[in-house]
């Protein structure tokens, strides 16, 4: 029986590349129709975002004016293929890919799936900012973070169906809703 369980876990790990199992994350945050998991591992943040949508899901790090100035990771799954991009909110109510702005996509280990009306993406990113369109994740206190998901279209310019803002201590897991 033990061997069967180990084999099933190994098969699942192979079939879901780049993704941790939710039980393996250190922290969990439940938000209306959305669940966020993360683990801070040295200089890397491993995350999983899951929302009741067939559209995109996203996180924005350190917004300054509405969404303006935020470092955004946004992802969607279409026809079984995951697309996760690194964006920067180059205006108060919009964003562009770092690559379009002259930077690079800093998303590592992208993975995702869409099942029963729920889109899940997972990725890893560095805690430090490696270019002007990236924001650091604080390891000595709270970081302001936006979470959002789209209306059901996989286009990254489709409108929000839901958005909220939290102050999160990524080390301790403490999270306080801001708005």
Foldseek 3Di string as FASTA:
>chain_A
DVVVVVVVVVVVPVVFWLDDDQVPFPAWDDDVQKIKGWHDDPQKIKIKIKGQAQAKKKKWWAADAQNAQTFMWMWHADPNDIDIFTWARPDNPDIDGLVVVPHDGQWASWTWDADPRMTMIITMGGQPDPDPRHDHQDQPFWIKMKIFTADHHHDPPGDTPDMFIWTANNHVRDIDTDD
